[in-house]
Each structure stands twice: as C-alpha cells, then as structure tokens.
Amino acid sequence: MQISKERKEDRLEWALSGRLDTVTAPQLQEAVKTDLEGVRNLTIDMAALEYITSAGLRVLLQASKKLGALGGTVAIQNANKEIREVFKITGFDTILHVQ
C-alpha cells in the first residue's frame, strides 16, 4: 500500500493505493500516530485502493476516535463498490463520513 499525503493547516488528505490488509495496516497505523498532530479534518481518498480487511477498518476506527475526541472528522472519498459494501456490512458507513 502507498500513502500520499497533503496537508493544509488543520486539514490532511491521504490518498491510499493498493491493499489495506493485515500486512499493510501497521503502515497506516503509524501514519495515524504521527500525521494527525494538529489535524481536525482527515480526508481519505480511496480511488486507487483495491481491497480492505478488518485490520484496515480497525486503523480507520482509531483515526476516527482520535479526531472525534478533538471535534474533528474522517471522510472517505472515491471508494470502489466492494469497499463501500464492506463499509455498509460492517456499519462503518455510519461511523465514517463516506462520500
């Protein structure tokens, strides 16, 4: 998985590509620990993300909780049909702002 990052003041955008699974989730978890300092709004562009597992969902939940505690949000953009279905089945479409 690759993570492209762009920050503007208290807004951060990640563009994910590849697969977000048990092998790559620790990479995203490290980004949650290091990149969210001073961030209130995180947008995650998933246009190039092919696949997500529960390990990836867990990291997204951590990011949502971290920003939620500060009054911030996590928004998901451009997820493919399969990833949207995973969000719907797991209820993550009600936790995260899926656009």
Foldseek 3Di string as FASTA:
>chain_A
DDWDWDDDQQEIEIEDAEEAEPVCLVVLLVCLVPVNVRHQEYEYEDQRYDYYDVSNVVSVVVSQVVNVVVVGAYEYENHDPVVVVVCVVVVVVVSHVYD
